[in-house]
Every structure is written in structure tokens, then in C-alpha cells.
Amino acid sequence: MKLRGLVGLAMIGLGVIAGSAYFINAAVSKGYGRLAATSPSKTLGLGPISLGNPTAAQPGLRTTSPRVPRDEITVPELRTVSQTLTAGRGDTLAGLLKQAGAASDDRFAAITALKEYFNPRKFRKGQDIQISYRVESPDGSADVAKIGTFIGFSLRPDPTTEVRVERDEQGNFQSTIADRPLTHSLARADGIIESSLYVAGRKSGLSSSALAELIRAYSWDVDFQRDIRKGDAFQVMYEQVRDDDGALVKSDDILFATLTLSGKSVSVYRFKTADGNINYYNENGQSARKALMRTPIDGARLSSGFGKRKHPILGYTKQHTGVDFAAPRGTPIYAAGNGSISFAGTKGGYGRYIRIRHNGTYSTAYAHMKGFASGMRTGTRVNQGQIIGYVGTTGRSTGPHLHYEIIKNGRPTNPMRVKMPSGEKLAGKQLEKFRQTRTEIDQQFAAIETGAARVASSQ
């Protein structure tokens, strides 16, 4: 009997315990209870940052962590990260910003701010743009950074300037423009011509633009088709301009050059006159620029010389009263000197033809032109180097070329052999200043020659 009583009491005790557990669990599930040792569960974003896809962290590991005392809480670090994108064919500025993850409203506002200093329509293939974001990194590591706010971008419209678009304190986009620091230094190039001046110049380190400048400086005295021979030499001192990254921005300003052709040396010095004109002068202050150009066209090949020849169309021998320069159709043709157009129109076998009167002694003529430049008509005043027309094959012509004549006292003269009328001669204070400049240039050239430090300055 006593045994039955003990079993009954045990069953009642087990029922009480089970009921207590039930009520406790129910209270916890309804929020009536609190676990002091744990904090609410949270999501950890573990993926690396991607400026190209600024989305929220993907759901990851769910866990609980112990409470951290307030004085031990770490404030997330705010950092700026940037990426540089280069425009490809067909890319637009707005498209690159979208690719980087900038929202539509931000793209519009940022580009609108940019327009104060740069026209977005001028954004071209090859243009770099640096795009910046503000990111939150709990421990300073980009691997667990949380994508933040698009804060702006910068681009360089040209090598000397940079435009920045950034948010102000109110969050609005504002643009600023700044000159980039450039470093100027002097460099030297020497070479012996084996096949051509261009090949030798490139081998010595001269850029294509510097070589073009060198050829222009001597084009009034040198026939580059016939006067250059194997063994001829050159020396050039030119200015190099580099940006703050050390990249070469410009290297075509020649300060001094010497060409030695068939044993005879001719030097030229770069000099800026009081009226702001920059030209090349020989040792005595005589301008290298003559009153007339021998070759009023760039990059052309001398295809036919002056004198008697068998006409390629007529088939018999006749006097060729000028020289022919073969060049692609549409190549610009320049006025050989200052003067006024005495004829512009079609002239028999010459096709489209222009004749310029320079003074009482000299005139020049240009034939077989595809067309005339705007405004070229009889009576128009032109300046040396001004485009007057374009290479074509009008009239009696077997292919696109320029027929060029120099007429002296009414008679055709060989443009490659005629002694050109002299250009400007410096005098007075201008000549004195030139001599000082020449001395400085000679000293700088000698310093480079002896291995001394090159002249350099920053601005």
C-alpha cells in the first residue's frame, strides 16, 4: 500500500516539472522572457567589395555574439576608394558612371556639375575617369567593407588640367578645375643619318612631333628629298614636359638644332620676339623662315622635278614648269608666302588652279587641286602657311598630286634650287636680346653634352 502511494507521488511530481517547462518555453517564445547572455542574431556580409555592383551584403552565416561593453565598441572606419575606367569605342561618361554603380540621379547631378568646366559631349575613346566611393570598413579591411556613397569623379580634359566633381557638405555635386603640376627639363638628341632623317631621329629618341618641328624649321633652306645624304648628322636640344605621374606630356619644342649636310653645318635657335611671335633664327639673328616655302605641303613625295620631261598623258617631251608632290587626295595645301590671290578657278590642263602674287618679283601657282579652301577667290589676302586648297587630280593628271610653281619676274623657276628671298632680320634691342638667348642656349646645350645636370623647373 505504501509502495502504491510512493509511485503516485512520483507521477504527480513529474507532471509538475513537465508543466513548468511548458509554461517557461511558451513565455520565452512570446517575448516574456529575456536571455541575458546573448544578443539578437544578425547577418554577416563576407563578400569582397565591388564598386561595379554596390548592393547590400548577401545573407550569410547566422550567429549570436556575446554583449560587448560600450567602451570596447569599435567605430567603423570610413574610407574613400577609387577605380579608374578607360572609355572604349562608343562609351559615354554616363555609361561609365552607371557601370561603376552610380545611381541615376547621382549620374545626372554629377554630369550637370561637370558642364561648368567640360562638355561631356567631348568625352572620347581613351579618356580615363577616376570614380570615387565612400566605404565603411569595420576593421580597415576592404575585404569586409560595406559599399557606401558615390562621392564623385575626376578626369583630365588635357595633360595640363584636371576637373574634379565632388559632393559638398550638403551632399550636392560641385566641380572644380586645377592646373596639374608639370616638370620641364632639357634633353638632347644626336644622330648620324643612314637612310633618312626620320629614322635616325626616332632612333635618337625624338618624337614624331619634334621631328616635324625640326623639318619645318629647315624647310625653307633644305630639300629633304635631295639634300639629305648618308653620313649627314644632326644635333637637337628640346624641352620635355612631364606630369606629376612622370608621364611625358610634350616633347616637340626645339630650342636649338644643327644640321650638318655634306660637311656644312647650319644652326637655328628658337626665339620669341617682342610681339609674341616664336621663330627660328641663325647665329646672326636672320630668320630661318624665308619669304617663300619650297614645299607648301606636309608629308608629300617629290614625284616629278623641274625641267624637260616626257609628258605622262600627252606622250611627248615638254618643259615641266614646276615640281610635283604626290600626296593622298584631300591633303591640305598651304600658301607659300604672304600675298593676294590673282587667280582662282579652272585653268585648262592645270585643272583647279590658284596663283598668288607675293610682291613685284615673286608669284606662286598651285594646280590639279580637288577644291579650294573656304573664302579662296581672286583678290583674297592670304598668309604664309594658310590652307588654300586640297590635293586632287583635276585637269591633265594621272593621279592625286600638287603641281607647284615659283614664278620670278614672270618666268617659272625651279622651286628646289631658287635662292629664296630672306625673311626677317633682327635689329636693335631685339638683336641684343636674341644674342643673350643664344648664349644661354649654347651654355645649356654644353651642360647636357658634358653630362651636367639638366635644367629643370616646376610650375
Protein backbone atom coordinates (compact mmCIF):
# COMPACT_ATOMS: atom_id res chain seq x y z
CA MET A 1 0.00 0.00 0.00
CA LYS A 2 2.82 2.31 0.92
CA LEU A 3 4.52 1.41 -2.39
CA ARG A 4 1.47 2.47 -4.37
CA GLY A 5 1.43 5.77 -2.51
CA LEU A 6 5.06 6.47 -3.36
CA VAL A 7 4.52 5.74 -7.07
CA GLY A 8 1.55 8.12 -7.12
CA LEU A 9 3.54 10.91 -5.56
CA ALA A 10 6.34 10.42 -8.14
CA MET A 11 3.92 10.64 -11.04
CA ILE A 12 2.46 13.87 -9.63
CA GLY A 13 6.00 15.36 -9.31
CA LEU A 14 6.89 14.53 -12.90
CA GLY A 15 3.69 16.17 -14.08
CA VAL A 16 4.51 19.37 -12.22
CA ILE A 17 8.02 19.53 -13.72
CA ALA A 18 6.74 18.95 -17.27
CA GLY A 19 4.10 21.61 -16.85
CA SER A 20 6.63 24.16 -15.57
CA ALA A 21 8.86 23.58 -18.61
CA TYR A 22 5.93 24.07 -20.94
CA PHE A 23 4.96 27.41 -19.40
CA ILE A 24 8.57 28.69 -19.43
CA ASN A 25 9.04 27.85 -23.14
CA ALA A 26 5.76 29.49 -24.01
CA ALA A 27 6.74 32.63 -22.15
CA VAL A 28 10.07 32.84 -23.95
CA SER A 29 8.54 32.34 -27.37
CA LYS A 30 6.10 35.21 -26.69
CA GLY A 31 8.87 37.58 -25.57
CA TYR A 32 8.04 37.48 -21.88
CA GLY A 33 11.45 36.11 -21.02
CA ARG A 34 14.97 37.52 -21.82
CA LEU A 35 18.31 35.75 -22.36
CA ALA A 36 20.92 37.91 -20.68
CA ALA A 37 23.94 36.08 -22.09
CA THR A 38 23.16 36.51 -25.82
CA SER A 39 22.23 39.25 -28.24
CA PRO A 40 19.78 39.13 -31.18
CA SER A 41 21.03 37.21 -34.21
CA LYS A 42 22.39 39.17 -37.20
CA THR A 43 23.63 38.74 -40.81
CA LEU A 44 27.36 38.99 -41.67
CA GLY A 45 28.30 40.16 -45.15
CA LEU A 46 31.51 38.37 -46.07
CA GLY A 47 31.75 39.08 -49.82
CA PRO A 48 34.54 41.40 -51.14
CA ILE A 49 33.66 44.97 -52.14
CA SER A 50 32.64 45.57 -55.76
CA LEU A 51 32.28 49.14 -56.99
CA GLY A 52 30.68 47.76 -60.11
CA ASN A 53 27.80 46.21 -58.10
CA PRO A 54 27.06 48.28 -54.97
CA THR A 55 24.33 46.05 -53.44
CA ALA A 56 23.69 45.13 -49.86
CA ALA A 57 25.59 42.24 -48.34
CA GLN A 58 24.11 38.85 -49.27
CA PRO A 59 22.70 36.74 -46.40
CA GLY A 60 25.47 34.78 -44.85
CA LEU A 61 26.17 32.96 -41.60
CA ARG A 62 23.57 33.48 -38.85
CA THR A 63 25.04 33.51 -35.40
CA THR A 64 24.82 35.09 -31.97
CA SER A 65 27.51 37.01 -30.17
CA PRO A 66 28.03 37.96 -26.56
CA ARG A 67 27.27 41.51 -25.44
CA VAL A 68 30.29 43.86 -25.73
CA PRO A 69 30.85 46.57 -23.11
CA ARG A 70 30.18 50.07 -24.53
CA ASP A 71 33.79 51.21 -24.03
CA GLU A 72 35.02 48.32 -26.20
CA ILE A 73 32.82 49.02 -29.25
CA THR A 74 34.86 49.73 -32.44
CA VAL A 75 33.60 52.55 -34.66
CA PRO A 76 33.67 51.51 -38.36
CA GLU A 77 36.36 53.27 -40.42
CA LEU A 78 35.14 55.46 -43.31
CA ARG A 79 37.49 55.39 -46.27
CA THR A 80 37.49 56.57 -49.87
CA VAL A 81 38.23 54.04 -52.57
CA SER A 82 38.61 54.78 -56.27
CA GLN A 83 38.73 52.92 -59.53
CA THR A 84 39.85 54.15 -62.95
CA LEU A 85 37.88 53.29 -66.07
CA THR A 86 39.01 53.96 -69.63
CA ALA A 87 36.45 54.83 -72.30
CA GLY A 88 36.24 52.38 -75.16
CA ARG A 89 34.64 52.80 -78.53
CA GLY A 90 31.08 54.07 -78.10
CA ASP A 91 31.39 54.60 -74.34
CA THR A 92 29.84 57.68 -72.76
CA LEU A 93 30.57 59.35 -69.44
CA ALA A 94 27.11 58.49 -68.13
CA GLY A 95 27.58 54.89 -69.21
CA LEU A 96 30.86 54.52 -67.34
CA LEU A 97 29.33 56.01 -64.18
CA LYS A 98 26.46 53.54 -64.45
CA GLN A 99 28.92 50.72 -64.95
CA ALA A 100 30.65 51.78 -61.72
CA GLY A 101 27.37 51.61 -59.83
CA ALA A 102 26.36 55.28 -59.53
CA ALA A 103 22.61 55.77 -59.22
CA SER A 104 20.68 57.51 -62.00
CA ASP A 105 20.01 60.72 -60.03
CA ASP A 106 23.65 60.92 -58.95
CA ARG A 107 24.89 60.43 -62.50
CA PHE A 108 22.70 63.25 -63.80
CA ALA A 109 23.66 65.65 -60.99
CA ALA A 110 27.40 64.90 -61.28
CA ILE A 111 27.49 65.36 -65.05
CA THR A 112 25.47 68.58 -64.78
CA ALA A 113 28.10 69.94 -62.36
CA LEU A 114 30.89 68.89 -64.73
CA LYS A 115 29.49 71.06 -67.55
CA GLU A 116 30.83 74.20 -65.87
CA TYR A 117 34.34 73.27 -66.99
CA PHE A 118 34.00 70.42 -69.50
CA ASN A 119 31.49 69.50 -72.19
CA PRO A 120 30.57 65.80 -71.68
CA ARG A 121 29.98 65.52 -75.44
CA LYS A 122 33.75 65.88 -75.88
CA PHE A 123 34.36 62.71 -73.84
CA ARG A 124 36.23 60.42 -76.24
CA LYS A 125 37.64 56.93 -76.58
CA GLY A 126 40.78 56.52 -74.49
CA GLN A 127 39.72 59.12 -71.90
CA ASP A 128 40.34 57.99 -68.30
CA ILE A 129 37.92 58.71 -65.47
CA GLN A 130 38.63 58.08 -61.79
CA ILE A 131 35.45 57.28 -59.83
CA SER A 132 35.36 57.53 -56.02
CA TYR A 133 33.15 55.97 -53.32
CA ARG A 134 32.97 56.39 -49.56
CA VAL A 135 33.03 52.94 -47.93
CA GLU A 136 32.59 51.67 -44.38
CA SER A 137 35.16 49.15 -43.20
CA PRO A 138 34.76 47.76 -39.68
CA ASP A 139 38.39 46.78 -39.32
CA GLY A 140 40.07 48.78 -42.09
CA SER A 141 40.00 45.86 -44.48
CA ALA A 142 38.43 46.24 -47.91
CA ASP A 143 37.63 42.51 -47.88
CA VAL A 144 34.78 43.11 -45.44
CA ALA A 145 33.96 46.67 -46.49
CA LYS A 146 30.36 47.74 -46.95
CA ILE A 147 29.65 49.74 -50.11
CA GLY A 148 28.84 53.33 -49.33
CA THR A 149 28.06 56.51 -51.25
CA PHE A 150 29.20 57.54 -54.73
CA ILE A 151 31.05 60.78 -53.99
CA GLY A 152 32.32 61.90 -57.39
CA PHE A 153 34.91 61.52 -60.11
CA SER A 154 37.77 63.30 -61.83
CA LEU A 155 39.05 63.45 -65.40
CA ARG A 156 41.76 65.23 -67.37
CA PRO A 157 40.48 67.12 -70.44
CA ASP A 158 44.10 67.74 -71.44
CA PRO A 159 47.53 66.92 -69.99
CA THR A 160 47.77 70.21 -68.08
CA THR A 161 44.40 70.35 -66.27
CA GLU A 162 42.19 68.16 -64.08
CA VAL A 163 38.47 68.61 -63.41
CA ARG A 164 37.03 67.17 -60.19
CA VAL A 165 33.36 66.63 -59.36
CA GLU A 166 32.68 66.03 -55.63
CA ARG A 167 29.87 66.28 -53.11
CA ASP A 168 29.81 69.37 -50.87
CA GLU A 169 28.74 69.41 -47.21
CA GLN A 170 25.08 69.43 -48.23
CA GLY A 171 25.58 66.41 -50.48
CA ASN A 172 25.30 68.37 -53.74
CA PHE A 173 27.80 67.86 -56.55
CA GLN A 174 30.22 70.72 -57.29
CA SER A 175 33.03 70.90 -59.88
CA THR A 176 36.48 72.44 -59.61
CA ILE A 177 39.33 72.77 -62.07
CA ALA A 178 43.02 72.73 -61.24
CA ASP A 179 46.28 73.04 -63.13
CA ARG A 180 48.36 69.90 -62.89
CA PRO A 181 51.98 70.34 -61.78
CA LEU A 182 54.29 69.94 -64.75
CA THR A 183 58.04 69.49 -64.77
CA HIS A 184 60.13 70.98 -67.59
CA SER A 185 63.57 69.67 -68.46
CA LEU A 186 66.01 69.86 -71.35
CA ALA A 187 67.02 66.84 -73.37
CA ARG A 188 69.42 66.25 -76.23
CA ALA A 189 69.39 64.04 -79.31
CA ASP A 190 72.33 63.36 -81.66
CA GLY A 191 72.36 61.13 -84.69
CA ILE A 192 74.03 60.08 -87.92
CA ILE A 193 71.71 59.67 -90.89
CA GLU A 194 71.98 56.25 -92.55
CA SER A 195 68.77 56.12 -94.55
CA SER A 196 66.52 59.08 -93.60
CA LEU A 197 66.33 61.89 -91.08
CA TYR A 198 63.09 60.47 -89.71
CA VAL A 199 64.53 57.02 -88.98
CA ALA A 200 67.69 58.47 -87.41
CA GLY A 201 65.67 60.96 -85.36
CA ARG A 202 63.32 58.33 -83.96
CA LYS A 203 66.28 56.12 -83.10
CA SER A 204 67.85 59.00 -81.14
CA GLY A 205 64.69 59.49 -79.07
CA LEU A 206 62.97 62.36 -80.90
CA SER A 207 59.18 62.17 -81.06
CA SER A 208 57.34 62.36 -84.38
CA SER A 209 56.07 65.84 -83.46
CA ALA A 210 59.61 67.03 -82.64
CA LEU A 211 60.84 65.73 -85.99
CA ALA A 212 58.03 67.55 -87.76
CA GLU A 213 59.08 70.74 -85.95
CA LEU A 214 62.72 70.18 -86.97
CA ILE A 215 61.75 69.73 -90.61
CA ARG A 216 59.60 72.87 -90.54
CA ALA A 217 62.48 74.88 -89.07
CA TYR A 218 64.72 73.94 -92.00
CA SER A 219 62.12 73.59 -94.75
CA TRP A 220 62.97 77.00 -96.28
CA ASP A 221 66.60 76.03 -96.93
CA VAL A 222 66.73 72.25 -97.18
CA ASP A 223 65.25 69.98 -99.85
CA PHE A 224 64.63 66.90 -97.71
CA GLN A 225 64.12 64.79 -100.81
CA ARG A 226 67.54 65.52 -102.33
CA ASP A 227 69.81 67.31 -99.85
CA ILE A 228 69.95 64.55 -97.21
CA ARG A 229 72.75 62.02 -97.73
CA LYS A 230 74.11 59.04 -95.82
CA GLY A 231 76.58 60.25 -93.20
CA ASP A 232 74.90 63.60 -92.60
CA ALA A 233 74.34 64.44 -88.93
CA PHE A 234 72.08 66.37 -86.57
CA GLN A 235 72.11 67.67 -83.01
CA VAL A 236 68.95 68.82 -81.26
CA MET A 237 68.16 70.27 -77.84
CA TYR A 238 64.48 70.16 -76.95
CA GLU A 239 62.19 70.56 -73.95
CA GLN A 240 60.45 67.67 -72.24
CA VAL A 241 57.31 68.27 -70.18
CA ARG A 242 56.17 65.59 -67.72
CA ASP A 243 53.14 65.44 -65.43
CA ASP A 244 53.10 64.59 -61.72
CA ASP A 245 52.98 60.89 -62.57
CA GLY A 246 56.18 61.19 -64.59
CA ALA A 247 54.40 60.58 -67.90
CA LEU A 248 55.70 62.51 -70.91
CA VAL A 249 53.16 65.16 -71.92
CA LYS A 250 55.02 67.12 -74.58
CA SER A 251 58.43 66.99 -76.25
CA ASP A 252 58.23 68.93 -79.52
CA ASP A 253 59.58 72.38 -78.56
CA ILE A 254 63.03 72.53 -80.14
CA LEU A 255 65.28 75.21 -78.62
CA PHE A 256 68.35 74.56 -80.75
CA ALA A 257 69.33 72.40 -83.70
CA THR A 258 72.25 71.86 -86.04
CA LEU A 259 72.09 70.02 -89.34
CA THR A 260 75.36 69.01 -90.97
CA LEU A 261 74.74 68.33 -94.65
CA SER A 262 77.63 67.38 -96.94
CA GLY A 263 80.05 68.74 -94.33
CA LYS A 264 78.34 72.12 -93.92
CA SER A 265 76.62 72.89 -90.59
CA VAL A 266 73.61 75.16 -90.24
CA SER A 267 72.29 76.02 -86.76
CA VAL A 268 68.96 77.52 -85.69
CA TYR A 269 67.80 78.98 -82.35
CA ARG A 270 64.26 79.33 -81.07
CA PHE A 271 63.45 82.93 -80.12
CA LYS A 272 60.31 84.81 -79.06
CA THR A 273 60.11 88.39 -80.33
CA ALA A 274 58.61 91.38 -78.51
CA ASP A 275 55.30 90.94 -80.35
CA GLY A 276 54.99 87.35 -79.10
CA ASN A 277 55.91 85.54 -82.32
CA ILE A 278 58.11 82.46 -81.98
CA ASN A 279 60.51 81.71 -84.81
CA TYR A 280 63.89 80.16 -85.57
CA TYR A 281 66.95 82.30 -86.34
CA ASN A 282 70.52 81.58 -87.37
CA GLU A 283 73.56 82.66 -85.33
CA ASN A 284 73.34 86.21 -86.73
CA GLY A 285 69.65 86.77 -85.96
CA GLN A 286 68.48 86.13 -89.53
CA SER A 287 65.12 84.39 -89.62
CA ALA A 288 65.20 80.81 -90.87
CA ARG A 289 61.72 81.45 -92.24
CA LYS A 290 62.05 82.75 -95.78
CA ALA A 291 59.57 84.79 -97.72
CA LEU A 292 58.52 81.65 -99.65
CA MET A 293 58.25 77.94 -98.80
CA ARG A 294 59.91 75.39 -101.04
CA THR A 295 57.37 72.69 -100.19
CA PRO A 296 53.89 74.07 -99.37
CA ILE A 297 52.57 70.66 -98.33
CA ASP A 298 53.27 68.20 -95.49
CA GLY A 299 54.28 64.58 -95.88
CA ALA A 300 54.40 64.61 -99.68
CA ARG A 301 56.79 62.79 -102.01
CA LEU A 302 58.55 64.65 -104.81
CA SER A 303 57.29 62.71 -107.82
CA SER A 304 58.48 64.88 -110.69
CA GLY A 305 61.15 67.55 -110.91
CA PHE A 306 61.56 70.80 -112.82
CA GLY A 307 62.70 70.76 -116.46
CA LYS A 308 62.10 68.86 -119.67
CA ARG A 309 60.33 65.52 -119.43
CA LYS A 310 58.07 63.22 -121.39
CA HIS A 311 54.53 64.24 -120.52
CA PRO A 312 52.71 61.22 -119.00
CA ILE A 313 49.45 61.99 -120.85
CA LEU A 314 50.44 63.93 -123.97
CA GLY A 315 53.25 61.50 -124.73
CA TYR A 316 55.87 63.95 -125.96
CA THR A 317 58.70 65.84 -124.31
CA LYS A 318 57.90 69.28 -123.00
CA GLN A 319 59.06 71.68 -120.31
CA HIS A 320 57.76 70.92 -116.84
CA THR A 321 57.44 74.39 -115.32
CA GLY A 322 57.17 73.30 -111.71
CA VAL A 323 57.58 70.34 -109.39
CA ASP A 324 55.04 67.67 -108.48
CA PHE A 325 54.38 66.40 -104.96
CA ALA A 326 52.44 63.13 -104.79
CA ALA A 327 50.09 63.02 -101.80
CA PRO A 328 46.73 61.48 -100.85
CA ARG A 329 43.61 63.17 -102.16
CA GLY A 330 42.45 65.87 -99.74
CA THR A 331 45.89 66.66 -98.27
CA PRO A 332 45.99 70.38 -97.29
CA ILE A 333 47.97 72.80 -99.49
CA TYR A 334 49.47 75.91 -97.90
CA ALA A 335 50.16 79.39 -99.22
CA ALA A 336 53.94 79.55 -99.75
CA GLY A 337 54.07 83.16 -98.57
CA ASN A 338 52.06 86.26 -97.77
CA GLY A 339 50.25 87.81 -100.73
CA SER A 340 46.98 88.14 -102.61
CA ILE A 341 45.28 85.64 -104.93
CA SER A 342 45.50 86.88 -108.52
CA PHE A 343 43.60 83.90 -109.99
CA ALA A 344 41.37 81.16 -108.55
CA GLY A 345 39.44 78.90 -110.89
CA THR A 346 39.79 76.26 -113.60
CA LYS A 347 42.72 76.69 -115.99
CA GLY A 348 42.93 74.16 -118.83
CA GLY A 349 45.24 71.21 -118.14
CA TYR A 350 46.05 72.62 -114.71
CA GLY A 351 42.51 71.85 -113.52
CA ARG A 352 41.56 73.77 -110.40
CA TYR A 353 44.30 76.35 -110.02
CA ILE A 354 45.35 79.18 -107.70
CA ARG A 355 48.01 81.79 -108.34
CA ILE A 356 49.31 84.09 -105.57
CA ARG A 357 51.18 87.35 -106.11
CA HIS A 358 53.63 87.89 -103.24
CA ASN A 359 55.41 91.06 -104.43
CA GLY A 360 56.64 92.70 -107.63
CA THR A 361 59.12 89.85 -108.19
CA TYR A 362 57.59 86.59 -106.99
CA SER A 363 54.36 84.68 -107.58
CA THR A 364 53.47 81.04 -106.88
CA ALA A 365 50.99 78.69 -108.55
CA TYR A 366 49.16 75.53 -107.36
CA ALA A 367 47.42 73.14 -109.77
CA HIS A 368 45.29 69.95 -110.04
CA MET A 369 43.52 70.82 -106.77
CA LYS A 370 40.49 68.87 -105.62
CA GLY A 371 38.95 72.09 -104.34
CA PHE A 372 39.64 75.44 -102.70
CA ALA A 373 39.52 76.26 -99.02
CA SER A 374 36.64 78.43 -97.85
CA GLY A 375 36.96 82.05 -98.94
CA MET A 376 39.70 81.47 -101.53
CA ARG A 377 38.88 83.67 -104.53
CA THR A 378 40.55 86.30 -106.68
CA GLY A 379 41.60 89.25 -104.53
CA THR A 380 41.72 87.34 -101.23
CA ARG A 381 44.70 88.16 -98.98
CA VAL A 382 46.50 85.10 -97.60
CA ASN A 383 49.25 84.50 -95.07
CA GLN A 384 52.16 82.11 -95.28
CA GLY A 385 51.11 78.64 -94.12
CA GLN A 386 47.38 79.32 -94.54
CA ILE A 387 45.42 76.46 -96.17
CA ILE A 388 44.29 77.49 -99.63
CA GLY A 389 43.10 74.16 -101.05
CA TYR A 390 43.41 70.39 -101.17
CA VAL A 391 45.28 67.85 -103.27
CA GLY A 392 43.30 66.38 -106.16
CA THR A 393 43.73 65.12 -109.70
CA THR A 394 41.79 67.65 -111.80
CA GLY A 395 42.92 68.66 -115.29
CA ARG A 396 45.54 66.56 -117.12
CA SER A 397 46.68 64.40 -114.23
CA THR A 398 47.38 60.70 -113.79
CA GLY A 399 46.86 60.70 -110.02
CA PRO A 400 46.43 62.93 -106.95
CA HIS A 401 49.32 65.37 -106.59
CA LEU A 402 50.18 69.05 -106.26
CA HIS A 403 51.85 70.83 -109.18
CA TYR A 404 53.74 73.76 -107.61
CA GLU A 405 55.43 76.66 -109.41
CA ILE A 406 57.51 79.65 -108.34
CA ILE A 407 57.42 82.46 -110.89
CA LYS A 408 60.22 85.04 -110.66
CA ASN A 409 59.88 88.16 -112.80
CA GLY A 410 57.25 86.37 -114.89
CA ARG A 411 59.34 83.25 -115.59
CA PRO A 412 58.97 79.78 -113.96
CA THR A 413 61.90 78.95 -111.66
CA ASN A 414 62.92 75.64 -110.08
CA PRO A 415 61.46 75.77 -106.54
CA MET A 416 64.12 73.33 -105.30
CA ARG A 417 67.04 75.45 -106.48
CA VAL A 418 65.92 79.07 -106.41
CA LYS A 419 67.60 81.23 -103.78
CA MET A 420 64.72 82.19 -101.55
CA PRO A 421 64.27 85.84 -100.56
CA SER A 422 65.39 86.42 -96.99
CA GLY A 423 62.97 86.74 -94.11
CA GLU A 424 63.10 88.94 -91.03
CA LYS A 425 66.44 90.22 -89.70
CA LEU A 426 66.55 91.14 -86.00
CA ALA A 427 67.99 94.54 -85.11
CA GLY A 428 68.47 96.90 -82.14
CA LYS A 429 67.20 95.72 -78.78
CA GLN A 430 65.66 92.61 -80.34
CA LEU A 431 69.03 91.54 -81.71
CA GLU A 432 70.69 92.21 -78.34
CA LYS A 433 68.09 90.10 -76.55
CA PHE A 434 68.49 87.35 -79.13
CA ARG A 435 72.25 87.23 -78.56
CA GLN A 436 71.67 86.81 -74.82
CA THR A 437 69.22 83.98 -75.51
CA ARG A 438 71.67 82.36 -77.92
CA THR A 439 74.43 82.43 -75.26
CA GLU A 440 72.12 80.84 -72.66
CA ILE A 441 71.08 78.11 -75.09
CA ASP A 442 74.70 77.37 -76.00
CA GLN A 443 75.56 77.02 -72.30
CA GLN A 444 72.59 74.73 -71.66
CA PHE A 445 73.49 72.57 -74.64
CA ALA A 446 77.10 72.32 -73.46
CA ALA A 447 75.95 71.33 -69.95
CA ILE A 448 73.94 68.43 -71.34
CA GLU A 449 76.87 67.47 -73.57
CA THR A 450 79.24 67.24 -70.62
CA GLY A 451 76.77 65.27 -68.53
CA ALA A 452 75.95 68.09 -66.13
CA ALA A 453 72.54 68.23 -64.52
CA ARG A 454 69.81 69.18 -66.91
CA VAL A 455 67.99 72.45 -66.41
CA ALA A 456 64.64 71.71 -64.80
CA SER A 457 61.82 73.69 -63.28
CA SER A 458 58.33 73.03 -61.98
CA GLN A 459 55.25 75.15 -62.44
